Amino acid sequence: MLPQKNAVVESQASPADTAEARIPELHAGRDGMRSMILALRPAQGGSDGGRPFGQVDKVPAVPDQPVAGQPADPKDNALSAFDILEDVKNFIPNVMRENDRLRHSIVAIQSQAEKDILTAETMAHDWKSLAESFKSQITTLEAMVLDLRSKLQTTEFAAAADREIASKSMQDAAEAECLSKLFEDKVISSFGIGTMFQDALARIGRREDA
């Protein structure tokens, strides 16, 4: 019992349980099974009921696909299974290479996408900064426009006041001139200065004639 137990332990600890270690074993088993199947096929020559030795009967070829209604040959099924196993074994590296290629493509696409995202974020930040700068400049220009509008209104009010003062001054000057004229006429008429002035002029004229 102990040796059998030790054998089980050795079998469990053997690296042949891994897929890579069992590949040579599968190859050897496949080749041995093919040899056994070929050995089990009926002989094509020999003594069978009086036929001379060496006479070969014409054996029909085994079709690749069974005829409808005819059961498939187990030996052919075994060979087909081994062929399929061989195809699968050859196909696995192709699948692994394709997976590696796809993985590298995904990594490259992801890297490019990250670069594009970083570029887009940088451009968005630049555009945002530029927009903030424009917004600040627009605010400054609006303040300047409001200041100029206020100054213009103040100037218009001052000009209107100046025009009103000038008009009032002209009216006052006209009224003063009228009052002065009136006062002059009143004084001349009151004191007879006009008659005296006329008599003096007459006397001066007579002296010049003499």
C-alpha atoms as a PDB file:
ATOM      1  CA  MET A   1       0.000   0.000   0.000  1.00  0.00           C
ATOM      2  CA  LEU A   2       2.801   2.441   0.803  1.00  0.00           C
ATOM      3  CA  PRO A   3       4.520   2.211  -2.591  1.00  0.00           C
ATOM      4  CA  GLN A   4       1.191   2.820  -4.296  1.00  0.00           C
ATOM      5  CA  LYS A   5       0.617   5.870  -2.111  1.00  0.00           C
ATOM      6  CA  ASN A   6       4.088   7.155  -2.916  1.00  0.00           C
ATOM      7  CA  ALA A   7       3.408   6.664  -6.605  1.00  0.00           C
ATOM      8  CA  VAL A   8       0.262   8.738  -6.291  1.00  0.00           C
ATOM      9  CA  VAL A   9       2.176  11.481  -4.532  1.00  0.00           C
ATOM     10  CA  GLU A  10       4.875  11.459  -7.202  1.00  0.00           C
ATOM     11  CA  SER A  11       2.223  11.594  -9.897  1.00  0.00           C
ATOM     12  CA  GLN A  12       0.610  14.592  -8.240  1.00  0.00           C
ATOM     13  CA  ALA A  13       3.917  16.371  -7.835  1.00  0.00           C
ATOM     14  CA  SER A  14       5.092  15.628 -11.393  1.00  0.00           C
ATOM     15  CA  PRO A  15       5.270  18.615 -13.784  1.00  0.00           C
ATOM     16  CA  ALA A  16       3.611  16.478 -16.459  1.00  0.00           C
ATOM     17  CA  ASP A  17       0.257  17.797 -15.240  1.00  0.00           C
ATOM     18  CA  THR A  18       0.957  21.139 -16.902  1.00  0.00           C
ATOM     19  CA  ALA A  19      -0.087  21.664 -20.504  1.00  0.00           C
ATOM     20  CA  GLU A  20       3.414  22.313 -21.828  1.00  0.00           C
ATOM     21  CA  ALA A  21       4.877  19.212 -20.166  1.00  0.00           C
ATOM     22  CA  ARG A  22       2.122  17.001 -21.608  1.00  0.00           C
ATOM     23  CA  ILE A  23       2.660  18.048 -25.234  1.00  0.00           C
ATOM     24  CA  PRO A  24       5.369  15.399 -25.906  1.00  0.00           C
ATOM     25  CA  GLU A  25       3.160  12.822 -24.243  1.00  0.00           C
ATOM     26  CA  LEU A  26       0.275  13.765 -26.511  1.00  0.00           C
ATOM     27  CA  HIS A  27       2.512  13.483 -29.570  1.00  0.00           C
ATOM     28  CA  ALA A  28       3.700  10.015 -28.516  1.00  0.00           C
ATOM     29  CA  GLY A  29       0.166   8.866 -27.775  1.00  0.00           C
ATOM     30  CA  ARG A  30      -1.061  10.176 -31.109  1.00  0.00           C
ATOM     31  CA  ASP A  31       1.667   8.370 -33.036  1.00  0.00           C
ATOM     32  CA  GLY A  32       1.105   5.140 -31.097  1.00  0.00           C
ATOM     33  CA  MET A  33      -2.642   5.279 -31.647  1.00  0.00           C
ATOM     34  CA  ARG A  34      -2.178   5.805 -35.366  1.00  0.00           C
ATOM     35  CA  SER A  35       0.136   2.772 -35.495  1.00  0.00           C
ATOM     36  CA  MET A  36      -2.434   0.641 -33.666  1.00  0.00           C
ATOM     37  CA  ILE A  37      -5.238   1.766 -35.985  1.00  0.00           C
ATOM     38  CA  LEU A  38      -3.199   0.980 -39.076  1.00  0.00           C
ATOM     39  CA  ALA A  39      -2.290  -2.437 -37.611  1.00  0.00           C
ATOM     40  CA  LEU A  40      -5.955  -3.273 -36.986  1.00  0.00           C
ATOM     41  CA  ARG A  41      -6.923  -2.713 -40.621  1.00  0.00           C
ATOM     42  CA  PRO A  42      -7.487  -5.969 -42.621  1.00  0.00           C
ATOM     43  CA  ALA A  43      -4.423  -7.291 -44.479  1.00  0.00           C
ATOM     44  CA  GLN A  44      -4.427  -6.844 -48.239  1.00  0.00           C
ATOM     45  CA  GLY A  45      -2.560 -10.098 -49.065  1.00  0.00           C
ATOM     46  CA  GLY A  46      -2.217 -13.674 -47.782  1.00  0.00           C
ATOM     47  CA  SER A  47      -4.004 -17.017 -47.818  1.00  0.00           C
ATOM     48  CA  ASP A  48      -7.809 -16.695 -47.774  1.00  0.00           C
ATOM     49  CA  GLY A  49      -9.615 -19.699 -49.247  1.00  0.00           C
ATOM     50  CA  GLY A  50      -7.263 -20.918 -51.901  1.00  0.00           C
ATOM     51  CA  ARG A  51      -6.057 -17.562 -53.213  1.00  0.00           C
ATOM     52  CA  PRO A  52      -2.421 -17.745 -54.173  1.00  0.00           C
ATOM     53  CA  PHE A  53      -0.093 -15.987 -51.738  1.00  0.00           C
ATOM     54  CA  GLY A  54       0.720 -12.497 -52.771  1.00  0.00           C
ATOM     55  CA  GLN A  55      -2.563 -11.952 -54.620  1.00  0.00           C
ATOM     56  CA  VAL A  56      -3.978  -8.611 -53.557  1.00  0.00           C
ATOM     57  CA  ASP A  57      -7.679  -7.877 -53.572  1.00  0.00           C
ATOM     58  CA  LYS A  58      -8.711  -4.456 -54.646  1.00  0.00           C
ATOM     59  CA  VAL A  59      -9.796  -2.705 -51.477  1.00  0.00           C
ATOM     60  CA  PRO A  60     -12.117   0.246 -51.993  1.00  0.00           C
ATOM     61  CA  ALA A  61     -10.887   3.506 -50.595  1.00  0.00           C
ATOM     62  CA  VAL A  62     -12.474   4.630 -47.378  1.00  0.00           C
ATOM     63  CA  PRO A  63     -14.498   7.773 -48.043  1.00  0.00           C
ATOM     64  CA  ASP A  64     -13.753  10.885 -46.036  1.00  0.00           C
ATOM     65  CA  GLN A  65     -17.429  11.352 -45.270  1.00  0.00           C
ATOM     66  CA  PRO A  66     -19.728   8.422 -44.414  1.00  0.00           C
ATOM     67  CA  VAL A  67     -22.470   7.585 -46.854  1.00  0.00           C
ATOM     68  CA  ALA A  68     -25.945   8.516 -45.757  1.00  0.00           C
ATOM     69  CA  GLY A  69     -27.365   5.758 -43.576  1.00  0.00           C
ATOM     70  CA  GLN A  70     -23.949   4.073 -43.119  1.00  0.00           C
ATOM     71  CA  PRO A  71     -22.295   4.320 -39.674  1.00  0.00           C
ATOM     72  CA  ALA A  72     -18.908   6.014 -39.507  1.00  0.00           C
ATOM     73  CA  ASP A  73     -15.784   3.932 -38.983  1.00  0.00           C
ATOM     74  CA  PRO A  74     -14.474   4.373 -35.397  1.00  0.00           C
ATOM     75  CA  LYS A  75     -10.881   4.215 -36.643  1.00  0.00           C
ATOM     76  CA  ASP A  76     -11.530   7.083 -39.059  1.00  0.00           C
ATOM     77  CA  ASN A  77     -13.226   9.019 -36.284  1.00  0.00           C
ATOM     78  CA  ALA A  78     -10.149   8.517 -34.101  1.00  0.00           C
ATOM     79  CA  LEU A  79      -7.849   9.717 -36.872  1.00  0.00           C
ATOM     80  CA  SER A  80     -10.097  12.711 -37.489  1.00  0.00           C
ATOM     81  CA  ALA A  81     -10.039  13.499 -33.780  1.00  0.00           C
ATOM     82  CA  PHE A  82      -6.245  13.440 -33.749  1.00  0.00           C
ATOM     83  CA  ASP A  83      -6.160  15.669 -36.839  1.00  0.00           C
ATOM     84  CA  ILE A  84      -8.519  18.090 -35.148  1.00  0.00           C
ATOM     85  CA  LEU A  85      -6.347  18.026 -32.031  1.00  0.00           C
ATOM     86  CA  GLU A  86      -3.301  18.774 -34.174  1.00  0.00           C
ATOM     87  CA  ASP A  87      -5.129  21.635 -35.894  1.00  0.00           C
ATOM     88  CA  VAL A  88      -6.205  23.031 -32.538  1.00  0.00           C
ATOM     89  CA  LYS A  89      -2.652  22.758 -31.213  1.00  0.00           C
ATOM     90  CA  ASN A  90      -1.360  24.644 -34.276  1.00  0.00           C
ATOM     91  CA  PHE A  91      -4.169  27.180 -34.027  1.00  0.00           C
ATOM     92  CA  ILE A  92      -3.449  28.137 -30.410  1.00  0.00           C
ATOM     93  CA  PRO A  93      -0.197  30.059 -31.206  1.00  0.00           C
ATOM     94  CA  ASN A  94      -2.034  31.985 -33.915  1.00  0.00           C
ATOM     95  CA  VAL A  95      -4.719  32.923 -31.420  1.00  0.00           C
ATOM     96  CA  MET A  96      -2.090  33.955 -28.895  1.00  0.00           C
ATOM     97  CA  ARG A  97      -0.285  36.074 -31.495  1.00  0.00           C
ATOM     98  CA  GLU A  98      -3.572  37.677 -32.494  1.00  0.00           C
ATOM     99  CA  ASN A  99      -4.350  38.370 -28.851  1.00  0.00           C
ATOM    100  CA  ASP A 100      -0.931  39.968 -28.416  1.00  0.00           C
ATOM    101  CA  ARG A 101      -1.461  42.082 -31.523  1.00  0.00           C
ATOM    102  CA  LEU A 102      -4.878  43.174 -30.299  1.00  0.00           C
ATOM    103  CA  ARG A 103      -3.466  43.920 -26.860  1.00  0.00           C
ATOM    104  CA  HIS A 104      -0.702  46.070 -28.366  1.00  0.00           C
ATOM    105  CA  SER A 105      -3.274  47.799 -30.579  1.00  0.00           C
ATOM    106  CA  ILE A 106      -5.481  48.497 -27.564  1.00  0.00           C
ATOM    107  CA  VAL A 107      -2.505  49.868 -25.628  1.00  0.00           C
ATOM    108  CA  ALA A 108      -1.547  52.095 -28.585  1.00  0.00           C
ATOM    109  CA  ILE A 109      -5.135  53.313 -29.002  1.00  0.00           C
ATOM    110  CA  GLN A 110      -5.403  53.981 -25.273  1.00  0.00           C
ATOM    111  CA  SER A 111      -2.114  55.890 -25.286  1.00  0.00           C
ATOM    112  CA  GLN A 112      -3.195  57.975 -28.287  1.00  0.00           C
ATOM    113  CA  ALA A 113      -6.572  58.620 -26.661  1.00  0.00           C
ATOM    114  CA  GLU A 114      -4.861  59.799 -23.476  1.00  0.00           C
ATOM    115  CA  LYS A 115      -2.642  62.128 -25.532  1.00  0.00           C
ATOM    116  CA  ASP A 116      -5.680  63.484 -27.401  1.00  0.00           C
ATOM    117  CA  ILE A 117      -7.548  64.011 -24.125  1.00  0.00           C
ATOM    118  CA  LEU A 118      -4.550  65.831 -22.631  1.00  0.00           C
ATOM    119  CA  THR A 119      -4.268  68.016 -25.742  1.00  0.00           C
ATOM    120  CA  ALA A 120      -7.993  68.785 -25.638  1.00  0.00           C
ATOM    121  CA  GLU A 121      -7.806  69.657 -21.942  1.00  0.00           C
ATOM    122  CA  THR A 122      -4.833  71.955 -22.591  1.00  0.00           C
ATOM    123  CA  MET A 123      -6.658  73.672 -25.456  1.00  0.00           C
ATOM    124  CA  ALA A 124      -9.789  74.028 -23.326  1.00  0.00           C
ATOM    125  CA  HIS A 125      -7.731  75.602 -20.522  1.00  0.00           C
ATOM    126  CA  ASP A 126      -6.082  78.001 -22.988  1.00  0.00           C
ATOM    127  CA  TRP A 127      -9.421  78.971 -24.506  1.00  0.00           C
ATOM    128  CA  LYS A 128     -10.876  79.447 -21.025  1.00  0.00           C
ATOM    129  CA  SER A 129      -7.977  81.699 -20.028  1.00  0.00           C
ATOM    130  CA  LEU A 130      -8.369  83.678 -23.263  1.00  0.00           C
ATOM    131  CA  ALA A 131     -12.103  84.022 -22.666  1.00  0.00           C
ATOM    132  CA  GLU A 132     -11.464  85.252 -19.120  1.00  0.00           C
ATOM    133  CA  SER A 133      -8.987  87.801 -20.503  1.00  0.00           C
ATOM    134  CA  PHE A 134     -11.521  88.992 -23.092  1.00  0.00           C
ATOM    135  CA  LYS A 135     -14.168  89.190 -20.390  1.00  0.00           C
ATOM    136  CA  SER A 136     -11.900  91.357 -18.228  1.00  0.00           C
ATOM    137  CA  GLN A 137     -11.096  93.621 -21.187  1.00  0.00           C
ATOM    138  CA  ILE A 138     -14.793  93.922 -22.050  1.00  0.00           C
ATOM    139  CA  THR A 139     -15.565  94.871 -18.442  1.00  0.00           C
ATOM    140  CA  THR A 140     -12.837  97.537 -18.558  1.00  0.00           C
ATOM    141  CA  LEU A 141     -14.164  98.911 -21.861  1.00  0.00           C
ATOM    142  CA  GLU A 142     -17.708  99.022 -20.491  1.00  0.00           C
ATOM    143  CA  ALA A 143     -16.463 100.999 -17.472  1.00  0.00           C
ATOM    144  CA  MET A 144     -14.619 103.405 -19.793  1.00  0.00           C
ATOM    145  CA  VAL A 145     -17.757 103.878 -21.912  1.00  0.00           C
ATOM    146  CA  LEU A 146     -19.839 104.619 -18.819  1.00  0.00           C
ATOM    147  CA  ASP A 147     -17.230 107.128 -17.609  1.00  0.00           C
ATOM    148  CA  LEU A 148     -17.110 108.861 -21.001  1.00  0.00           C
ATOM    149  CA  ARG A 149     -20.897 108.955 -21.143  1.00  0.00           C
ATOM    150  CA  SER A 150     -21.014 110.549 -17.689  1.00  0.00           C
ATOM    151  CA  LYS A 151     -18.383 113.129 -18.692  1.00  0.00           C
ATOM    152  CA  LEU A 152     -20.298 113.864 -21.897  1.00  0.00           C
ATOM    153  CA  GLN A 153     -23.486 114.456 -19.950  1.00  0.00           C
ATOM    154  CA  THR A 154     -21.609 116.754 -17.554  1.00  0.00           C
ATOM    155  CA  THR A 155     -20.149 118.675 -20.507  1.00  0.00           C
ATOM    156  CA  GLU A 156     -23.579 118.964 -22.107  1.00  0.00           C
ATOM    157  CA  PHE A 157     -25.022 120.293 -18.851  1.00  0.00           C
ATOM    158  CA  ALA A 158     -22.152 122.815 -18.554  1.00  0.00           C
ATOM    159  CA  ALA A 159     -22.594 123.925 -22.175  1.00  0.00           C
ATOM    160  CA  ALA A 160     -26.324 124.367 -21.629  1.00  0.00           C
ATOM    161  CA  ALA A 161     -25.626 126.424 -18.503  1.00  0.00           C
ATOM    162  CA  ASP A 162     -23.084 128.545 -20.401  1.00  0.00           C
ATOM    163  CA  ARG A 163     -25.569 129.151 -23.186  1.00  0.00           C
ATOM    164  CA  GLU A 164     -28.199 130.150 -20.691  1.00  0.00           C
ATOM    165  CA  ILE A 165     -25.765 132.526 -18.943  1.00  0.00           C
ATOM    166  CA  ALA A 166     -24.724 134.072 -22.282  1.00  0.00           C
ATOM    167  CA  SER A 167     -28.339 134.589 -23.271  1.00  0.00           C
ATOM    168  CA  LYS A 168     -29.077 136.166 -19.916  1.00  0.00           C
ATOM    169  CA  SER A 169     -26.038 138.445 -20.290  1.00  0.00           C
ATOM    170  CA  MET A 170     -27.162 139.572 -23.730  1.00  0.00           C
ATOM    171  CA  GLN A 171     -30.606 140.325 -22.379  1.00  0.00           C
ATOM    172  CA  ASP A 172     -29.112 142.270 -19.479  1.00  0.00           C
ATOM    173  CA  ALA A 173     -26.875 144.271 -21.859  1.00  0.00           C
ATOM    174  CA  ALA A 174     -29.800 145.143 -24.098  1.00  0.00           C
ATOM    175  CA  GLU A 175     -31.869 146.200 -21.109  1.00  0.00           C
ATOM    176  CA  ALA A 176     -28.963 148.323 -19.805  1.00  0.00           C
ATOM    177  CA  GLU A 177     -28.539 149.998 -23.176  1.00  0.00           C
ATOM    178  CA  CYS A 178     -32.223 150.780 -23.321  1.00  0.00           C
ATOM    179  CA  LEU A 179     -32.187 152.176 -19.779  1.00  0.00           C
ATOM    180  CA  SER A 180     -29.119 154.280 -20.591  1.00  0.00           C
ATOM    181  CA  LYS A 181     -30.770 155.704 -23.665  1.00  0.00           C
ATOM    182  CA  LEU A 182     -33.880 156.414 -21.745  1.00  0.00           C
ATOM    183  CA  PHE A 183     -31.961 158.131 -18.964  1.00  0.00           C
ATOM    184  CA  GLU A 184     -30.049 160.272 -21.468  1.00  0.00           C
ATOM    185  CA  ASP A 185     -33.207 161.403 -23.197  1.00  0.00           C
ATOM    186  CA  LYS A 186     -34.833 162.113 -19.858  1.00  0.00           C
ATOM    187  CA  VAL A 187     -31.917 164.267 -18.623  1.00  0.00           C
ATOM    188  CA  ILE A 188     -31.678 166.249 -21.870  1.00  0.00           C
ATOM    189  CA  SER A 189     -35.342 166.934 -21.938  1.00  0.00           C
ATOM    190  CA  SER A 190     -35.446 167.839 -18.240  1.00  0.00           C
ATOM    191  CA  PHE A 191     -32.572 170.384 -18.116  1.00  0.00           C
ATOM    192  CA  GLY A 192     -32.833 171.920 -21.652  1.00  0.00           C
ATOM    193  CA  ILE A 193     -29.391 170.797 -22.505  1.00  0.00           C
ATOM    194  CA  GLY A 194     -30.474 170.256 -26.064  1.00  0.00           C
ATOM    195  CA  THR A 195     -31.540 173.934 -26.621  1.00  0.00           C
ATOM    196  CA  MET A 196     -28.372 175.275 -25.017  1.00  0.00           C
ATOM    197  CA  PHE A 197     -26.271 173.018 -27.184  1.00  0.00           C
ATOM    198  CA  GLN A 198     -28.072 174.205 -30.285  1.00  0.00           C
ATOM    199  CA  ASP A 199     -27.572 177.912 -29.358  1.00  0.00           C
ATOM    200  CA  ALA A 200     -23.864 177.348 -28.744  1.00  0.00           C
ATOM    201  CA  LEU A 201     -23.499 175.744 -32.138  1.00  0.00           C
ATOM    202  CA  ALA A 202     -25.274 178.721 -33.762  1.00  0.00           C
ATOM    203  CA  ARG A 203     -22.967 181.219 -32.090  1.00  0.00           C
ATOM    204  CA  ILE A 204     -19.912 179.294 -33.197  1.00  0.00           C
ATOM    205  CA  GLY A 205     -21.218 179.368 -36.754  1.00  0.00           C
ATOM    206  CA  ARG A 206     -21.761 183.071 -36.764  1.00  0.00           C
ATOM    207  CA  ARG A 207     -18.246 183.777 -35.511  1.00  0.00           C
ATOM    208  CA  GLU A 208     -16.762 181.782 -38.284  1.00  0.00           C
ATOM    209  CA  ASP A 209     -18.770 183.720 -40.879  1.00  0.00           C
ATOM    210  CA  ALA A 210     -17.597 187.071 -39.504  1.00  0.00           C
END
